[in-house]
């Protein structure tokens, strides 16, 4: 059975009132720049995926308490579905062109992991001189000059919690552990700052009472979770204090401008 055909647990509200939606509906509601569908995607697959992604995005919006435009990165993010998939990859973000690529028969549990899209988008809003390919988490580690703003400080407090020791002088113990996992696998992936933050973000979401296993899953019982590649409960509690406050404050500030 293909993963797209499975049932995914969720306990959130009925956003669609039982009706089907399309990817066009998703683009219009959340303000995505556009959507491209692969030629081998059947109408049935497209319909099933659209309903799943719609519910997941609505649940994510409810968890973060932000306007729709935040999820589309202020209408700069493009979606693709069933185009250019990579073996074993459910979804991935391409900084060049700001494209969120969703695999045809996957995507389950991986949408929340695509934090690098936000990490990339927000870099220029937070750091002086951030380039088109920069990520805010990397800029933070490189000690780039910060644009003063209360919202920025909340975001950066989360980065500090995840990436640095309490006194800020050394990498955090979790960062060091993930680097050791990379060395054991002869790779450089798990300890990249944007990937550390992506896993922390999705784990933070999965720890919430609102559940959607198509949006996020695997942060507790997967092999990576058992290896310690996700933050522990104490680290997540500290992170949640900063990042949920950040997104709620961001949502309030954007809503006030409407």
Protein backbone atom coordinates (compact mmCIF):
# COMPACT_ATOMS: atom_id res chain seq x y z
CA UNK A 1 0.00 0.00 0.00
CA UNK A 2 1.32 3.42 -0.91
CA UNK A 3 1.67 5.79 2.03
CA UNK A 4 -0.68 8.28 0.44
CA UNK A 5 -3.46 5.67 0.59
CA UNK A 6 -3.14 5.06 4.30
CA UNK A 7 -5.28 6.58 7.03
CA UNK A 8 -3.57 9.16 9.22
CA UNK A 9 -4.65 9.90 12.76
CA UNK A 10 -5.75 13.41 13.54
CA UNK A 11 -7.95 14.88 16.26
CA UNK A 12 -8.29 18.44 14.94
CA UNK A 13 -11.47 20.21 13.84
CA UNK A 14 -13.25 19.44 10.57
CA UNK A 15 -11.80 22.23 8.45
CA UNK A 16 -13.41 21.07 5.20
CA UNK A 17 -16.90 20.20 6.53
CA UNK A 18 -16.53 16.84 4.78
CA UNK A 19 -16.01 18.42 1.35
CA UNK A 20 -13.12 17.81 -1.02
CA UNK A 21 -10.68 20.62 -1.75
CA UNK A 22 -8.15 21.10 -4.53
CA UNK A 23 -4.56 22.28 -4.57
CA UNK A 24 -5.92 25.41 -6.25
CA UNK A 25 -8.04 26.01 -3.14
CA UNK A 26 -4.92 25.61 -1.00
CA UNK A 27 -2.98 28.09 -3.13
CA UNK A 28 -5.77 30.65 -2.90
CA UNK A 29 -6.46 30.29 0.82
CA UNK A 30 -2.85 30.37 2.03
CA UNK A 31 -1.50 32.64 -0.69
CA UNK A 32 1.11 30.30 -2.16
CA UNK A 33 2.77 31.70 -5.25
CA UNK A 34 1.62 28.69 -7.28
CA UNK A 35 1.38 24.92 -7.58
CA UNK A 36 2.82 22.54 -10.18
CA UNK A 37 1.53 18.97 -10.43
CA UNK A 38 3.53 16.10 -11.94
CA UNK A 39 2.26 14.53 -15.15
CA UNK A 40 2.08 11.06 -13.59
CA UNK A 41 -0.20 12.14 -10.74
CA UNK A 42 -3.70 10.70 -11.20
CA UNK A 43 -6.82 12.69 -10.38
CA UNK A 44 -7.51 10.35 -7.45
CA UNK A 45 -4.00 10.80 -6.03
CA UNK A 46 -4.23 14.55 -6.41
CA UNK A 47 -7.58 14.69 -4.62
CA UNK A 48 -6.44 12.51 -1.74
CA UNK A 49 -3.26 14.55 -1.31
CA UNK A 50 -5.05 17.91 -1.50
CA UNK A 51 -7.41 16.95 1.33
CA UNK A 52 -4.54 15.71 3.49
CA UNK A 53 -2.36 18.77 2.90
CA UNK A 54 -5.27 21.14 3.43
CA UNK A 55 -6.07 19.62 6.83
CA UNK A 56 -2.38 19.59 7.77
CA UNK A 57 -1.86 23.24 6.87
CA UNK A 58 -5.01 24.29 8.72
CA UNK A 59 -3.87 22.34 11.78
CA UNK A 60 -0.43 23.94 11.54
CA UNK A 61 -2.01 27.37 11.32
CA UNK A 62 -4.06 26.61 14.44
CA UNK A 63 -1.02 25.36 16.34
CA UNK A 64 1.03 28.45 15.53
CA UNK A 65 -1.84 30.96 15.72
CA UNK A 66 -0.68 32.82 12.63
CA UNK A 67 -2.44 34.20 9.52
CA UNK A 68 -2.44 32.11 6.35
CA UNK A 69 0.24 34.30 4.77
CA UNK A 70 2.86 33.04 7.24
CA UNK A 71 2.56 29.49 5.88
CA UNK A 72 3.11 30.71 2.32
CA UNK A 73 6.03 32.89 3.47
CA UNK A 74 4.14 36.03 2.56
CA UNK A 75 3.09 34.62 -0.82
CA UNK A 76 6.65 33.76 -1.90
CA UNK A 77 6.52 29.95 -1.54
CA UNK A 78 5.69 27.69 -4.51
CA UNK A 79 4.40 24.12 -4.10
CA UNK A 80 5.15 21.19 -6.37
CA UNK A 81 3.50 17.79 -6.08
CA UNK A 82 4.86 14.66 -7.71
CA UNK A 83 7.69 16.46 -9.50
CA UNK A 84 11.40 15.73 -9.13
CA UNK A 85 11.10 13.37 -6.19
CA UNK A 86 14.18 12.00 -4.48
CA UNK A 87 14.41 8.36 -3.29
CA UNK A 88 13.45 8.12 0.38
CA UNK A 89 12.55 11.82 0.61
CA UNK A 90 8.93 12.70 1.42
CA UNK A 91 9.28 16.45 1.02
CA UNK A 92 12.12 18.89 0.63
CA UNK A 93 12.69 22.61 0.36
CA UNK A 94 14.66 24.24 -2.45
CA UNK A 95 15.97 27.68 -1.42
CA UNK A 96 16.53 28.67 -5.05
CA UNK A 97 13.07 29.69 -6.15
CA UNK A 98 11.59 28.99 -2.70
CA UNK A 99 9.97 25.71 -3.68
CA UNK A 100 8.41 23.19 -1.30
CA UNK A 101 8.45 19.90 -3.20
CA UNK A 102 6.03 17.20 -2.04
CA UNK A 103 6.50 13.58 -3.09
CA UNK A 104 3.53 11.89 -4.79
CA UNK A 105 3.27 8.78 -2.65
CA UNK A 106 4.82 10.13 0.50
CA UNK A 107 4.76 13.37 2.43
CA UNK A 108 3.17 11.66 5.39
CA UNK A 109 4.49 13.12 8.62
CA UNK A 110 7.10 15.25 6.88
CA UNK A 111 5.40 18.57 6.23
CA UNK A 112 6.29 20.05 9.63
CA UNK A 113 9.93 19.13 9.03
CA UNK A 114 10.17 21.72 6.27
CA UNK A 115 11.14 24.42 8.77
CA UNK A 116 14.11 25.32 6.52
CA UNK A 117 11.61 27.18 4.31
CA UNK A 118 10.80 29.56 7.16
CA UNK A 119 14.41 29.53 8.40
CA UNK A 120 15.49 30.66 4.93
CA UNK A 121 12.74 33.25 4.47
CA UNK A 122 13.19 34.93 7.84
CA UNK A 123 16.99 35.31 7.65
CA UNK A 124 16.82 38.65 5.85
CA UNK A 125 14.23 39.96 8.31
CA UNK A 126 16.41 39.17 11.32
CA UNK A 127 20.04 39.63 10.26
CA UNK A 128 21.82 42.54 8.63
CA UNK A 129 23.40 41.54 5.33
CA UNK A 130 21.79 38.09 5.08
CA UNK A 131 22.10 36.76 1.52
CA UNK A 132 19.50 35.08 -0.68
CA UNK A 133 20.75 31.62 0.24
CA UNK A 134 21.27 32.20 3.97
CA UNK A 135 19.36 30.54 6.79
CA UNK A 136 18.63 32.42 10.01
CA UNK A 137 19.92 29.54 12.16
CA UNK A 138 23.29 29.62 10.37
CA UNK A 139 23.47 33.40 10.59
CA UNK A 140 22.90 33.06 14.32
CA UNK A 141 25.81 30.65 14.72
CA UNK A 142 28.02 32.95 12.65
CA UNK A 143 27.12 35.84 14.96
CA UNK A 144 25.88 38.10 12.19
CA UNK A 145 24.54 41.46 13.26
CA UNK A 146 20.92 41.32 14.40
CA UNK A 147 18.18 43.74 13.41
CA UNK A 148 16.79 44.89 16.77
CA UNK A 149 13.16 43.83 17.29
CA UNK A 150 11.36 42.06 20.16
CA UNK A 151 10.09 39.36 17.77
CA UNK A 152 13.59 38.66 16.52
CA UNK A 153 14.82 38.15 20.05
CA UNK A 154 12.19 35.48 20.73
CA UNK A 155 13.25 33.58 17.63
CA UNK A 156 16.91 33.86 18.54
CA UNK A 157 16.26 32.73 22.11
CA UNK A 158 14.99 29.50 20.56
CA UNK A 159 18.13 29.16 18.46
CA UNK A 160 20.28 29.71 21.54
CA UNK A 161 18.34 27.10 23.52
CA UNK A 162 18.84 24.50 20.80
CA UNK A 163 22.30 25.24 19.49
CA UNK A 164 24.38 26.67 22.34
CA UNK A 165 25.31 25.82 25.91
CA UNK A 166 23.50 27.80 28.65
CA UNK A 167 26.33 30.35 28.84
CA UNK A 168 26.46 30.63 25.05
CA UNK A 169 30.15 29.76 24.83
CA UNK A 170 29.94 26.23 23.44
CA UNK A 171 27.70 24.08 21.23
CA UNK A 172 24.77 22.59 23.12
CA UNK A 173 24.98 18.99 24.30
CA UNK A 174 22.26 18.06 21.77
CA UNK A 175 24.22 19.73 18.96
CA UNK A 176 27.31 17.76 20.00
CA UNK A 177 25.33 14.51 20.15
CA UNK A 178 23.90 15.02 16.66
CA UNK A 179 27.39 15.78 15.35
CA UNK A 180 28.51 12.43 16.78
CA UNK A 181 25.64 10.72 14.97
CA UNK A 182 26.82 12.34 11.74
CA UNK A 183 30.38 11.14 12.28
CA UNK A 184 29.15 7.59 12.87
CA UNK A 185 27.24 7.78 9.57
CA UNK A 186 30.07 9.54 7.70
CA UNK A 187 27.78 12.42 6.76
CA UNK A 188 27.06 16.05 7.52
CA UNK A 189 23.32 16.35 7.85
CA UNK A 190 21.83 15.85 11.30
CA UNK A 191 24.05 18.52 12.85
CA UNK A 192 23.41 21.23 10.26
CA UNK A 193 21.72 24.10 12.10
CA UNK A 194 18.70 24.28 9.79
CA UNK A 195 18.17 20.52 10.18
CA UNK A 196 18.55 20.68 13.95
CA UNK A 197 15.93 23.41 14.07
CA UNK A 198 13.66 21.54 11.65
CA UNK A 199 13.64 18.43 13.84
CA UNK A 200 13.14 20.52 16.96
CA UNK A 201 10.24 22.38 15.34
CA UNK A 202 8.44 19.22 14.28
CA UNK A 203 9.04 17.56 17.66
CA UNK A 204 7.63 20.64 19.38
CA UNK A 205 4.49 20.36 17.25
CA UNK A 206 4.06 16.63 17.79
CA UNK A 207 4.18 17.19 21.54
CA UNK A 208 1.02 19.32 21.39
CA UNK A 209 -2.51 18.03 22.16
CA UNK A 210 -3.67 18.69 18.58
CA UNK A 211 -2.45 15.70 16.58
CA UNK A 212 -2.12 15.23 12.84
CA UNK A 213 0.13 12.37 11.78
CA UNK A 214 0.19 13.58 8.20
CA UNK A 215 1.58 16.90 9.40
CA UNK A 216 4.12 15.40 11.78
CA UNK A 217 5.07 11.96 13.05
CA UNK A 218 8.19 9.97 13.84
CA UNK A 219 9.74 12.29 16.41
CA UNK A 220 9.24 9.80 19.25
CA UNK A 221 9.44 6.18 18.12
CA UNK A 222 11.44 6.30 14.88
CA UNK A 223 15.00 5.04 14.64
CA UNK A 224 16.25 8.64 14.58
CA UNK A 225 14.24 9.41 17.71
CA UNK A 226 15.69 6.39 19.50
CA UNK A 227 19.18 7.57 18.50
CA UNK A 228 18.57 10.94 20.17
CA UNK A 229 18.29 12.99 16.99
CA UNK A 230 15.30 14.88 18.42
CA UNK A 231 15.34 17.10 21.52
CA UNK A 232 14.33 15.54 24.82
CA UNK A 233 11.22 16.67 26.71
CA UNK A 234 13.07 19.23 28.84
CA UNK A 235 14.70 20.88 25.84
CA UNK A 236 11.36 20.94 24.01
CA UNK A 237 9.64 22.64 26.92
CA UNK A 238 12.26 25.38 26.92
CA UNK A 239 12.08 25.76 23.15
CA UNK A 240 8.27 25.92 23.21
CA UNK A 241 8.40 28.84 25.63
CA UNK A 242 10.27 30.90 23.05
CA UNK A 243 8.92 29.70 19.71
CA UNK A 244 5.20 29.46 20.47
CA UNK A 245 5.41 32.94 21.98
CA UNK A 246 7.25 34.05 18.85
CA UNK A 247 4.61 32.74 16.44
CA UNK A 248 1.67 33.97 18.49
CA UNK A 249 3.28 37.43 18.71
CA UNK A 250 4.05 37.33 14.98
CA UNK A 251 0.44 36.44 14.26
CA UNK A 252 -0.85 39.24 16.42
CA UNK A 253 1.46 41.78 14.81
CA UNK A 254 0.46 40.75 11.29
CA UNK A 255 -3.25 40.69 12.15
CA UNK A 256 -3.00 44.21 13.56
CA UNK A 257 -1.74 45.44 10.17
CA UNK A 258 -4.79 44.13 8.32
